[in-house]
Amino acid sequence: MSYHILFSMLVIITATASYINHRFLKLPKTIGLTIVTLLISILIMVMLNYSPRFFMPIHTLLSGIDFKDTLLNGMLGYLLFAGALHVNAIDLRRQFLSVAYLASFGVVISTILTACALWAVAQILQFPIPITHCLIFGALISPTDPIAVLAVFKTTKSVPKKIKSRITGEALFNDAAGILLFVFLINIFSFHL
């Protein structure tokens, strides 16, 4: 199956999920699309168990995609670019030090705290997870979603301009810090994985 067909299928699924959200769920776009696509994914997984012959081409198609490469080298750049289009560069420049501090040290601190909390909970539940795996997981989930942050700020008007610039700038730049930290930790701890 060619990438054109795959892209067309993705557009159709996104349009269907948007319609279901707009017509029935009436949630913010990013949340509604996430929920609907999660439900579609669960439905496909269930159908693979009951009717594997019919849904096996979907499984084969999705198994052939390198999601790491697709996400990191393809979709992430476009998503960040789309989010950056809605940021006022002059306001962001005024808040540069705050944004840089939050986007770099904030992600590192969040990664460490998340890793320590996950490791402690795993120890309490007697399900030991190596601290290296916990650090990689922390780096993976620490960055905030800039698209969701920008969507929230579109609906709220009472946030001061200074705070809005800091939070939107941090949401955009912490993805880069999170990716760097994730790749760094994967390369350091690769012998443990």
N, C-alpha and C. Protein backbone atom coordinates (compact mmCIF):
# COMPACT_ATOMS: atom_id res chain seq x y z
N MET A 1 0.85 -1.18 0.00
CA MET A 1 0.00 0.00 0.00
C MET A 1 0.89 1.23 0.00
N SER A 2 0.58 2.20 -0.84
CA SER A 2 1.44 3.37 -0.97
C SER A 2 1.16 4.38 0.15
N TYR A 3 2.09 5.31 0.31
CA TYR A 3 1.93 6.35 1.32
C TYR A 3 0.78 7.30 1.00
N HIS A 4 0.44 7.42 -0.27
CA HIS A 4 -0.70 8.27 -0.65
C HIS A 4 -2.00 7.68 -0.11
N ILE A 5 -2.15 6.38 -0.22
CA ILE A 5 -3.36 5.72 0.30
C ILE A 5 -3.37 5.81 1.83
N LEU A 6 -2.21 5.59 2.44
CA LEU A 6 -2.11 5.69 3.90
C LEU A 6 -2.47 7.09 4.38
N PHE A 7 -1.95 8.10 3.69
CA PHE A 7 -2.27 9.49 4.05
C PHE A 7 -3.75 9.76 3.85
N SER A 8 -4.32 9.25 2.77
CA SER A 8 -5.76 9.43 2.52
C SER A 8 -6.59 8.78 3.61
N MET A 9 -6.17 7.57 4.04
CA MET A 9 -6.90 6.90 5.11
C MET A 9 -6.81 7.70 6.42
N LEU A 10 -5.65 8.27 6.69
CA LEU A 10 -5.47 9.08 7.89
C LEU A 10 -6.36 10.31 7.86
N VAL A 11 -6.47 10.96 6.71
CA VAL A 11 -7.34 12.13 6.57
C VAL A 11 -8.80 11.73 6.76
N ILE A 12 -9.20 10.60 6.21
CA ILE A 12 -10.59 10.13 6.35
C ILE A 12 -10.90 9.82 7.82
N ILE A 13 -9.98 9.12 8.49
CA ILE A 13 -10.19 8.80 9.91
C ILE A 13 -10.26 10.07 10.75
N THR A 14 -9.38 11.04 10.46
CA THR A 14 -9.39 12.30 11.20
C THR A 14 -10.68 13.07 10.96
N ALA A 15 -11.13 13.12 9.71
CA ALA A 15 -12.38 13.82 9.40
C ALA A 15 -13.57 13.14 10.07
N THR A 16 -13.59 11.82 10.08
CA THR A 16 -14.67 11.08 10.74
C THR A 16 -14.65 11.34 12.25
N ALA A 17 -13.46 11.28 12.84
CA ALA A 17 -13.34 11.54 14.28
C ALA A 17 -13.75 12.97 14.62
N SER A 18 -13.38 13.92 13.76
CA SER A 18 -13.79 15.32 14.00
C SER A 18 -15.29 15.48 13.91
N TYR A 19 -15.91 14.81 12.94
CA TYR A 19 -17.36 14.88 12.81
C TYR A 19 -18.06 14.29 14.03
N ILE A 20 -17.59 13.13 14.48
CA ILE A 20 -18.20 12.49 15.66
C ILE A 20 -18.05 13.39 16.88
N ASN A 21 -16.88 14.00 17.03
CA ASN A 21 -16.68 14.90 18.16
C ASN A 21 -17.57 16.13 18.06
N HIS A 22 -17.63 16.73 16.89
CA HIS A 22 -18.43 17.95 16.71
C HIS A 22 -19.92 17.68 16.87
N ARG A 23 -20.37 16.55 16.35
CA ARG A 23 -21.80 16.25 16.37
C ARG A 23 -22.29 15.70 17.71
N PHE A 24 -21.50 14.82 18.33
CA PHE A 24 -21.99 14.11 19.51
C PHE A 24 -21.26 14.48 20.81
N LEU A 25 -19.95 14.46 20.80
CA LEU A 25 -19.20 14.67 22.05
C LEU A 25 -19.11 16.13 22.45
N LYS A 26 -18.90 17.02 21.48
CA LYS A 26 -18.80 18.46 21.70
C LYS A 26 -17.68 18.81 22.69
N LEU A 27 -16.56 18.10 22.60
CA LEU A 27 -15.39 18.37 23.42
C LEU A 27 -14.43 19.27 22.64
N PRO A 28 -13.43 19.88 23.32
CA PRO A 28 -12.40 20.60 22.56
C PRO A 28 -11.76 19.68 21.53
N LYS A 29 -11.34 20.25 20.40
CA LYS A 29 -10.89 19.44 19.27
C LYS A 29 -9.83 18.41 19.63
N THR A 30 -8.79 18.83 20.32
CA THR A 30 -7.68 17.90 20.59
C THR A 30 -8.13 16.77 21.51
N ILE A 31 -8.93 17.08 22.50
CA ILE A 31 -9.40 16.04 23.43
C ILE A 31 -10.38 15.11 22.73
N GLY A 32 -11.30 15.69 21.98
CA GLY A 32 -12.29 14.88 21.27
C GLY A 32 -11.65 13.96 20.24
N LEU A 33 -10.68 14.48 19.48
CA LEU A 33 -10.00 13.64 18.49
C LEU A 33 -9.22 12.52 19.16
N THR A 34 -8.60 12.82 20.28
CA THR A 34 -7.85 11.79 21.00
C THR A 34 -8.78 10.69 21.47
N ILE A 35 -9.90 11.06 22.05
CA ILE A 35 -10.84 10.05 22.56
C ILE A 35 -11.43 9.21 21.42
N VAL A 36 -11.86 9.86 20.35
CA VAL A 36 -12.48 9.13 19.24
C VAL A 36 -11.46 8.22 18.57
N THR A 37 -10.25 8.68 18.32
CA THR A 37 -9.25 7.82 17.69
C THR A 37 -8.82 6.69 18.62
N LEU A 38 -8.82 6.95 19.92
CA LEU A 38 -8.54 5.87 20.87
C LEU A 38 -9.63 4.79 20.79
N LEU A 39 -10.88 5.23 20.71
CA LEU A 39 -11.99 4.27 20.57
C LEU A 39 -11.91 3.50 19.26
N ILE A 40 -11.53 4.17 18.18
CA ILE A 40 -11.36 3.49 16.89
C ILE A 40 -10.24 2.45 16.98
N SER A 41 -9.14 2.81 17.65
CA SER A 41 -8.03 1.87 17.81
C SER A 41 -8.45 0.65 18.62
N ILE A 42 -9.18 0.88 19.70
CA ILE A 42 -9.66 -0.24 20.52
C ILE A 42 -10.61 -1.11 19.71
N LEU A 43 -11.48 -0.50 18.94
CA LEU A 43 -12.41 -1.26 18.09
C LEU A 43 -11.66 -2.13 17.09
N ILE A 44 -10.62 -1.58 16.48
CA ILE A 44 -9.83 -2.37 15.51
C ILE A 44 -9.13 -3.53 16.22
N MET A 45 -8.59 -3.29 17.42
CA MET A 45 -7.92 -4.36 18.17
C MET A 45 -8.91 -5.47 18.54
N VAL A 46 -10.12 -5.09 18.94
CA VAL A 46 -11.13 -6.10 19.28
C VAL A 46 -11.54 -6.87 18.03
N MET A 47 -11.72 -6.16 16.94
CA MET A 47 -12.13 -6.82 15.70
C MET A 47 -11.04 -7.75 15.16
N LEU A 48 -9.77 -7.43 15.44
CA LEU A 48 -8.69 -8.33 15.03
C LEU A 48 -8.80 -9.68 15.73
N ASN A 49 -9.32 -9.67 16.96
CA ASN A 49 -9.50 -10.94 17.68
C ASN A 49 -10.68 -11.74 17.14
N TYR A 50 -11.77 -11.06 16.75
CA TYR A 50 -12.98 -11.75 16.32
C TYR A 50 -13.00 -12.07 14.83
N SER A 51 -12.43 -11.20 14.04
CA SER A 51 -12.42 -11.41 12.60
C SER A 51 -11.06 -11.04 12.03
N PRO A 52 -10.05 -11.85 12.32
CA PRO A 52 -8.69 -11.49 11.90
C PRO A 52 -8.50 -11.46 10.38
N ARG A 53 -9.24 -12.26 9.66
CA ARG A 53 -9.09 -12.28 8.20
C ARG A 53 -9.46 -10.94 7.58
N PHE A 54 -10.51 -10.33 8.10
CA PHE A 54 -11.00 -9.07 7.53
C PHE A 54 -10.09 -7.90 7.89
N PHE A 55 -9.56 -7.87 9.11
CA PHE A 55 -8.77 -6.74 9.57
C PHE A 55 -7.27 -6.97 9.49
N MET A 56 -6.82 -8.11 9.00
CA MET A 56 -5.39 -8.38 8.91
C MET A 56 -4.66 -7.42 7.97
N PRO A 57 -5.25 -6.97 6.86
CA PRO A 57 -4.53 -5.98 6.04
C PRO A 57 -4.22 -4.69 6.80
N ILE A 58 -5.12 -4.27 7.69
CA ILE A 58 -4.86 -3.07 8.50
C ILE A 58 -3.70 -3.35 9.45
N HIS A 59 -3.70 -4.52 10.07
CA HIS A 59 -2.61 -4.89 10.98
C HIS A 59 -1.28 -4.96 10.23
N THR A 60 -1.29 -5.56 9.05
CA THR A 60 -0.07 -5.66 8.25
C THR A 60 0.44 -4.29 7.84
N LEU A 61 -0.47 -3.43 7.43
CA LEU A 61 -0.10 -2.08 7.03
C LEU A 61 0.52 -1.30 8.18
N LEU A 62 -0.13 -1.34 9.34
CA LEU A 62 0.37 -0.58 10.48
C LEU A 62 1.64 -1.17 11.06
N SER A 63 1.81 -2.48 10.93
CA SER A 63 3.04 -3.12 11.42
C SER A 63 4.25 -2.74 10.58
N GLY A 64 4.02 -2.36 9.35
CA GLY A 64 5.12 -2.00 8.45
C GLY A 64 5.59 -0.57 8.58
N ILE A 65 4.94 0.22 9.44
CA ILE A 65 5.31 1.63 9.59
C ILE A 65 6.24 1.77 10.78
N ASP A 66 7.33 2.48 10.58
CA ASP A 66 8.24 2.80 11.67
C ASP A 66 7.71 4.06 12.36
N PHE A 67 6.96 3.87 13.45
CA PHE A 67 6.29 5.01 14.09
C PHE A 67 7.28 5.99 14.71
N LYS A 68 8.42 5.48 15.20
CA LYS A 68 9.43 6.39 15.77
C LYS A 68 9.92 7.35 14.69
N ASP A 69 10.28 6.80 13.54
CA ASP A 69 10.76 7.63 12.45
C ASP A 69 9.66 8.55 11.93
N THR A 70 8.46 8.01 11.79
CA THR A 70 7.34 8.81 11.29
C THR A 70 7.02 9.97 12.23
N LEU A 71 7.01 9.69 13.52
CA LEU A 71 6.66 10.72 14.49
C LEU A 71 7.77 11.74 14.65
N LEU A 72 8.99 11.28 14.93
CA LEU A 72 10.08 12.21 15.21
C LEU A 72 10.54 12.96 13.97
N ASN A 73 10.64 12.29 12.84
CA ASN A 73 11.17 12.94 11.63
C ASN A 73 10.10 13.48 10.70
N GLY A 74 8.86 13.17 10.97
CA GLY A 74 7.80 13.63 10.08
C GLY A 74 6.79 14.54 10.75
N MET A 75 5.95 13.94 11.58
CA MET A 75 4.79 14.67 12.08
C MET A 75 5.13 15.73 13.14
N LEU A 76 6.11 15.48 13.97
CA LEU A 76 6.39 16.40 15.07
C LEU A 76 6.79 17.78 14.56
N GLY A 77 7.61 17.83 13.53
CA GLY A 77 8.02 19.12 12.97
C GLY A 77 6.83 19.93 12.46
N TYR A 78 5.91 19.27 11.77
CA TYR A 78 4.73 19.96 11.26
C TYR A 78 3.81 20.44 12.40
N LEU A 79 3.66 19.60 13.42
CA LEU A 79 2.82 19.99 14.56
C LEU A 79 3.40 21.20 15.29
N LEU A 80 4.71 21.19 15.51
CA LEU A 80 5.34 22.32 16.20
C LEU A 80 5.29 23.58 15.34
N PHE A 81 5.47 23.42 14.03
CA PHE A 81 5.39 24.57 13.14
C PHE A 81 3.98 25.16 13.15
N ALA A 82 2.98 24.29 13.11
CA ALA A 82 1.58 24.77 13.15
C ALA A 82 1.30 25.48 14.46
N GLY A 83 1.83 24.98 15.56
CA GLY A 83 1.64 25.64 16.85
C GLY A 83 2.39 26.96 16.92
N ALA A 84 3.58 27.00 16.34
CA ALA A 84 4.40 28.22 16.40
C ALA A 84 3.79 29.35 15.58
N LEU A 85 2.97 29.04 14.60
CA LEU A 85 2.34 30.08 13.79
C LEU A 85 1.41 30.97 14.62
N HIS A 86 0.91 30.44 15.74
CA HIS A 86 -0.03 31.18 16.56
C HIS A 86 0.62 31.90 17.73
N VAL A 87 1.95 31.92 17.78
CA VAL A 87 2.66 32.55 18.88
C VAL A 87 3.18 33.90 18.41
N ASN A 88 3.00 34.92 19.26
CA ASN A 88 3.50 36.24 18.96
C ASN A 88 5.00 36.27 19.27
N ALA A 89 5.82 36.41 18.23
CA ALA A 89 7.28 36.33 18.39
C ALA A 89 7.82 37.48 19.24
N ILE A 90 7.22 38.64 19.17
CA ILE A 90 7.70 39.78 19.97
C ILE A 90 7.46 39.53 21.45
N ASP A 91 6.28 39.05 21.80
CA ASP A 91 6.00 38.72 23.20
C ASP A 91 6.88 37.58 23.69
N LEU A 92 7.11 36.61 22.81
CA LEU A 92 7.96 35.47 23.18
C LEU A 92 9.40 35.92 23.42
N ARG A 93 9.86 36.85 22.63
CA ARG A 93 11.24 37.37 22.80
C ARG A 93 11.40 38.05 24.14
N ARG A 94 10.39 38.76 24.59
CA ARG A 94 10.46 39.43 25.90
C ARG A 94 10.53 38.43 27.04
N GLN A 95 9.96 37.26 26.85
CA GLN A 95 9.91 36.24 27.89
C GLN A 95 10.94 35.12 27.65
N PHE A 96 11.96 35.40 26.84
CA PHE A 96 12.88 34.35 26.41
C PHE A 96 13.56 33.63 27.57
N LEU A 97 14.09 34.36 28.54
CA LEU A 97 14.80 33.71 29.65
C LEU A 97 13.89 32.80 30.46
N SER A 98 12.69 33.27 30.74
CA SER A 98 11.73 32.44 31.48
C SER A 98 11.38 31.19 30.69
N VAL A 99 11.12 31.36 29.41
CA VAL A 99 10.75 30.24 28.55
C VAL A 99 11.90 29.24 28.46
N ALA A 100 13.12 29.74 28.26
CA ALA A 100 14.28 28.85 28.15
C ALA A 100 14.50 28.08 29.45
N TYR A 101 14.35 28.77 30.57
CA TYR A 101 14.53 28.11 31.87
C TYR A 101 13.47 27.02 32.08
N LEU A 102 12.21 27.38 31.82
CA LEU A 102 11.13 26.41 32.01
C LEU A 102 11.24 25.23 31.04
N ALA A 103 11.60 25.52 29.80
CA ALA A 103 11.65 24.47 28.78
C ALA A 103 12.83 23.52 28.96
N SER A 104 13.90 23.99 29.57
CA SER A 104 15.06 23.11 29.73
C SER A 104 15.10 22.49 31.13
N PHE A 105 15.27 23.32 32.14
CA PHE A 105 15.35 22.80 33.50
C PHE A 105 14.02 22.20 33.95
N GLY A 106 12.93 22.77 33.50
CA GLY A 106 11.62 22.25 33.88
C GLY A 106 11.41 20.83 33.39
N VAL A 107 11.84 20.55 32.16
CA VAL A 107 11.70 19.20 31.61
C VAL A 107 12.62 18.23 32.35
N VAL A 108 13.85 18.66 32.65
CA VAL A 108 14.78 17.78 33.36
C VAL A 108 14.26 17.46 34.76
N ILE A 109 13.80 18.49 35.47
CA ILE A 109 13.27 18.28 36.83
C ILE A 109 12.03 17.40 36.79
N SER A 110 11.14 17.66 35.83
CA SER A 110 9.93 16.85 35.70
C SER A 110 10.27 15.40 35.37
N THR A 111 11.28 15.20 34.54
CA THR A 111 11.71 13.84 34.19
C THR A 111 12.21 13.10 35.43
N ILE A 112 13.03 13.77 36.22
CA ILE A 112 13.60 13.15 37.42
C ILE A 112 12.50 12.84 38.43
N LEU A 113 11.60 13.80 38.65
CA LEU A 113 10.51 13.58 39.62
C LEU A 113 9.58 12.46 39.17
N THR A 114 9.25 12.44 37.89
CA THR A 114 8.39 11.38 37.36
C THR A 114 9.06 10.02 37.49
N ALA A 115 10.35 9.97 37.15
CA ALA A 115 11.08 8.71 37.24
C ALA A 115 11.15 8.21 38.68
N CYS A 116 11.43 9.11 39.61
CA CYS A 116 11.51 8.70 41.02
C CYS A 116 10.16 8.23 41.54
N ALA A 117 9.09 8.94 41.17
CA ALA A 117 7.76 8.55 41.62
C ALA A 117 7.35 7.19 41.03
N LEU A 118 7.61 6.99 39.75
CA LEU A 118 7.29 5.72 39.12
C LEU A 118 8.10 4.58 39.74
N TRP A 119 9.38 4.81 39.97
CA TRP A 119 10.23 3.79 40.57
C TRP A 119 9.74 3.43 41.97
N ALA A 120 9.38 4.47 42.76
CA ALA A 120 8.91 4.22 44.13
C ALA A 120 7.59 3.45 44.14
N VAL A 121 6.66 3.83 43.28
CA VAL A 121 5.38 3.12 43.21
C VAL A 121 5.59 1.68 42.76
N ALA A 122 6.49 1.49 41.80
CA ALA A 122 6.78 0.13 41.33
C ALA A 122 7.39 -0.71 42.44
N GLN A 123 8.23 -0.11 43.27
CA GLN A 123 8.83 -0.84 44.38
C GLN A 123 7.77 -1.21 45.42
N ILE A 124 6.87 -0.27 45.70
CA ILE A 124 5.81 -0.52 46.69
C ILE A 124 4.89 -1.64 46.21
N LEU A 125 4.59 -1.66 44.91
CA LEU A 125 3.71 -2.68 44.34
C LEU A 125 4.45 -3.98 44.04
N GLN A 126 5.72 -4.03 44.40
CA GLN A 126 6.57 -5.20 44.16
C GLN A 126 6.61 -5.59 42.69
N PHE A 127 6.70 -4.59 41.86
CA PHE A 127 6.84 -4.75 40.43
C PHE A 127 8.06 -3.93 40.01
N PRO A 128 9.25 -4.43 40.29
CA PRO A 128 10.44 -3.61 40.10
C PRO A 128 10.68 -3.22 38.64
N ILE A 129 10.89 -1.94 38.46
CA ILE A 129 11.24 -1.39 37.15
C ILE A 129 12.60 -0.72 37.32
N PRO A 130 13.55 -0.99 36.45
CA PRO A 130 14.85 -0.33 36.57
C PRO A 130 14.72 1.19 36.48
N ILE A 131 15.54 1.89 37.24
CA ILE A 131 15.47 3.36 37.26
C ILE A 131 15.77 3.93 35.87
N THR A 132 16.57 3.22 35.07
CA THR A 132 16.86 3.70 33.71
C THR A 132 15.59 3.74 32.87
N HIS A 133 14.75 2.71 33.00
CA HIS A 133 13.49 2.69 32.27
C HIS A 133 12.57 3.80 32.77
N CYS A 134 12.59 4.05 34.06
CA CYS A 134 11.76 5.11 34.64
C CYS A 134 12.20 6.48 34.14
N LEU A 135 13.51 6.68 34.00
CA LEU A 135 14.01 7.96 33.48
C LEU A 135 13.60 8.17 32.03
N ILE A 136 13.69 7.11 31.24
CA ILE A 136 13.28 7.22 29.83
C ILE A 136 11.78 7.51 29.73
N PHE A 137 10.99 6.84 30.56
CA PHE A 137 9.55 7.11 30.58
C PHE A 137 9.28 8.55 31.01
N GLY A 138 10.01 9.03 32.02
CA GLY A 138 9.85 10.41 32.47
C GLY A 138 10.16 11.41 31.38
N ALA A 139 11.23 11.16 30.61
CA ALA A 139 11.58 12.06 29.50
C ALA A 139 10.52 12.01 28.41
N LEU A 140 9.89 10.87 28.27
CA LEU A 140 8.88 10.71 27.23
C LEU A 140 7.61 11.50 27.53
N ILE A 141 7.20 11.54 28.80
CA ILE A 141 5.92 12.18 29.12
C ILE A 141 6.04 13.57 29.74
N SER A 142 7.25 14.04 30.02
CA SER A 142 7.39 15.33 30.68
C SER A 142 7.00 16.54 29.83
N PRO A 143 7.31 16.58 28.54
CA PRO A 143 6.91 17.76 27.77
C PRO A 143 5.39 17.89 27.66
N THR A 144 4.91 19.12 27.76
CA THR A 144 3.48 19.36 27.58
C THR A 144 3.16 19.43 26.10
N ASP A 145 1.91 19.25 25.78
CA ASP A 145 1.46 19.26 24.40
C ASP A 145 1.18 20.70 23.97
N PRO A 146 1.98 21.27 23.05
CA PRO A 146 1.76 22.67 22.67
C PRO A 146 0.44 22.90 21.96
N ILE A 147 -0.03 21.93 21.21
CA ILE A 147 -1.28 22.09 20.48
C ILE A 147 -2.44 22.20 21.47
N ALA A 148 -2.42 21.37 22.50
CA ALA A 148 -3.48 21.43 23.51
C ALA A 148 -3.41 22.74 24.29
N VAL A 149 -2.20 23.18 24.62
CA VAL A 149 -2.06 24.44 25.36
C VAL A 149 -2.60 25.60 24.54
N LEU A 150 -2.25 25.63 23.26
CA LEU A 150 -2.74 26.71 22.40
C LEU A 150 -4.26 26.65 22.23
N ALA A 151 -4.81 25.45 22.17
CA ALA A 151 -6.26 25.31 22.05
C ALA A 151 -6.96 25.82 23.31
N VAL A 152 -6.38 25.58 24.48
CA VAL A 152 -6.97 26.07 25.72
C VAL A 152 -6.93 27.59 25.76
N PHE A 153 -5.82 28.18 25.33
CA PHE A 153 -5.71 29.64 25.36
C PHE A 153 -6.62 30.32 24.35
N LYS A 154 -7.03 29.61 23.31
CA LYS A 154 -7.98 30.19 22.37
C LYS A 154 -9.35 30.37 23.02
N THR A 155 -9.68 29.50 23.96
CA THR A 155 -10.99 29.56 24.60
C THR A 155 -11.02 30.44 25.83
N THR A 156 -9.86 30.74 26.42
CA THR A 156 -9.82 31.59 27.61
C THR A 156 -9.25 32.95 27.24
N LYS A 157 -9.94 33.98 27.65
CA LYS A 157 -9.51 35.35 27.30
C LYS A 157 -8.94 36.10 28.50
N SER A 158 -9.10 35.57 29.71
CA SER A 158 -8.74 36.33 30.90
C SER A 158 -7.29 36.13 31.36
N VAL A 159 -6.49 35.37 30.62
CA VAL A 159 -5.10 35.14 31.00
C VAL A 159 -4.26 36.34 30.59
N PRO A 160 -3.45 36.88 31.52
CA PRO A 160 -2.59 38.01 31.15
C PRO A 160 -1.63 37.64 30.02
N LYS A 161 -1.32 38.65 29.20
CA LYS A 161 -0.50 38.44 28.02
C LYS A 161 0.89 37.88 28.37
N LYS A 162 1.46 38.35 29.47
CA LYS A 162 2.79 37.91 29.89
C LYS A 162 2.79 36.42 30.24
N ILE A 163 1.79 36.00 31.00
CA ILE A 163 1.68 34.59 31.39
C ILE A 163 1.41 33.72 30.16
N LYS A 164 0.54 34.19 29.29
CA LYS A 164 0.21 33.44 28.08
C LYS A 164 1.45 33.23 27.21
N SER A 165 2.28 34.27 27.07
CA SER A 165 3.50 34.15 26.27
C SER A 165 4.46 33.14 26.89
N ARG A 166 4.59 33.17 28.20
CA ARG A 166 5.49 32.23 28.87
C ARG A 166 5.03 30.78 28.70
N ILE A 167 3.75 30.56 28.91
CA ILE A 167 3.24 29.19 28.87
C ILE A 167 3.24 28.64 27.45
N THR A 168 2.82 29.43 26.47
CA THR A 168 2.82 28.94 25.09
C THR A 168 4.24 28.73 24.58
N GLY A 169 5.15 29.64 24.92
CA GLY A 169 6.55 29.47 24.52
C GLY A 169 7.17 28.24 25.14
N GLU A 170 6.89 28.04 26.42
CA GLU A 170 7.42 26.86 27.11
C GLU A 170 6.84 25.59 26.52
N ALA A 171 5.57 25.60 26.19
CA ALA A 171 4.93 24.41 25.62
C ALA A 171 5.54 24.05 24.27
N LEU A 172 5.94 25.06 23.49
CA LEU A 172 6.56 24.78 22.20
C LEU A 172 7.99 24.30 22.34
N PHE A 173 8.78 24.97 23.19
CA PHE A 173 10.20 24.65 23.28
C PHE A 173 10.49 23.43 24.15
N ASN A 174 9.59 23.08 25.05
CA ASN A 174 9.90 21.92 25.89
C ASN A 174 9.81 20.61 25.12
N ASP A 175 9.12 20.58 23.99
CA ASP A 175 9.12 19.39 23.15
C ASP A 175 10.53 19.11 22.63
N ALA A 176 11.21 20.17 22.21
CA ALA A 176 12.59 20.00 21.73
C ALA A 176 13.49 19.52 22.87
N ALA A 177 13.33 20.10 24.05
CA ALA A 177 14.13 19.67 25.20
C ALA A 177 13.80 18.23 25.57
N GLY A 178 12.53 17.87 25.51
CA GLY A 178 12.12 16.50 25.83
C GLY A 178 12.66 15.49 24.83
N ILE A 179 12.66 15.84 23.55
CA ILE A 179 13.21 14.94 22.54
C ILE A 179 14.71 14.76 22.74
N LEU A 180 15.41 15.87 22.99
CA LEU A 180 16.85 15.76 23.24
C LEU A 180 17.15 14.90 24.45
N LEU A 181 16.40 15.12 25.53
CA LEU A 181 16.62 14.34 26.74
C LEU A 181 16.29 12.87 26.51
N PHE A 182 15.20 12.59 25.80
CA PHE A 182 14.80 11.22 25.51
C PHE A 182 15.88 10.50 24.69
N VAL A 183 16.34 11.13 23.61
CA VAL A 183 17.36 10.52 22.75
C VAL A 183 18.66 10.35 23.53
N PHE A 184 19.02 11.34 24.35
CA PHE A 184 20.22 11.26 25.17
C PHE A 184 20.15 10.07 26.14
N LEU A 185 19.03 9.94 26.82
CA LEU A 185 18.88 8.83 27.77
C LEU A 185 18.84 7.48 27.07
N ILE A 186 18.18 7.41 25.93
CA ILE A 186 18.13 6.15 25.17
C ILE A 186 19.55 5.74 24.76
N ASN A 187 20.35 6.70 24.32
CA ASN A 187 21.71 6.38 23.89
C ASN A 187 22.60 6.00 25.08
N ILE A 188 22.41 6.64 26.21
CA ILE A 188 23.21 6.32 27.40
C ILE A 188 22.85 4.95 27.94
N PHE A 189 21.55 4.68 28.06
CA PHE A 189 21.09 3.45 28.69
C PHE A 189 20.76 2.35 27.71
N SER A 190 21.19 2.47 26.47
CA SER A 190 20.80 1.49 25.46
C SER A 190 21.25 0.08 25.80
N PHE A 191 22.32 -0.06 26.56
CA PHE A 191 22.76 -1.40 26.92
C PHE A 191 21.85 -2.04 27.93
N HIS A 192 20.99 -1.27 28.60
CA HIS A 192 20.06 -1.82 29.58
C HIS A 192 18.72 -2.23 28.96
N LEU A 193 18.42 -1.72 27.79
CA LEU A 193 17.09 -1.95 27.20
C LEU A 193 17.01 -3.26 26.46
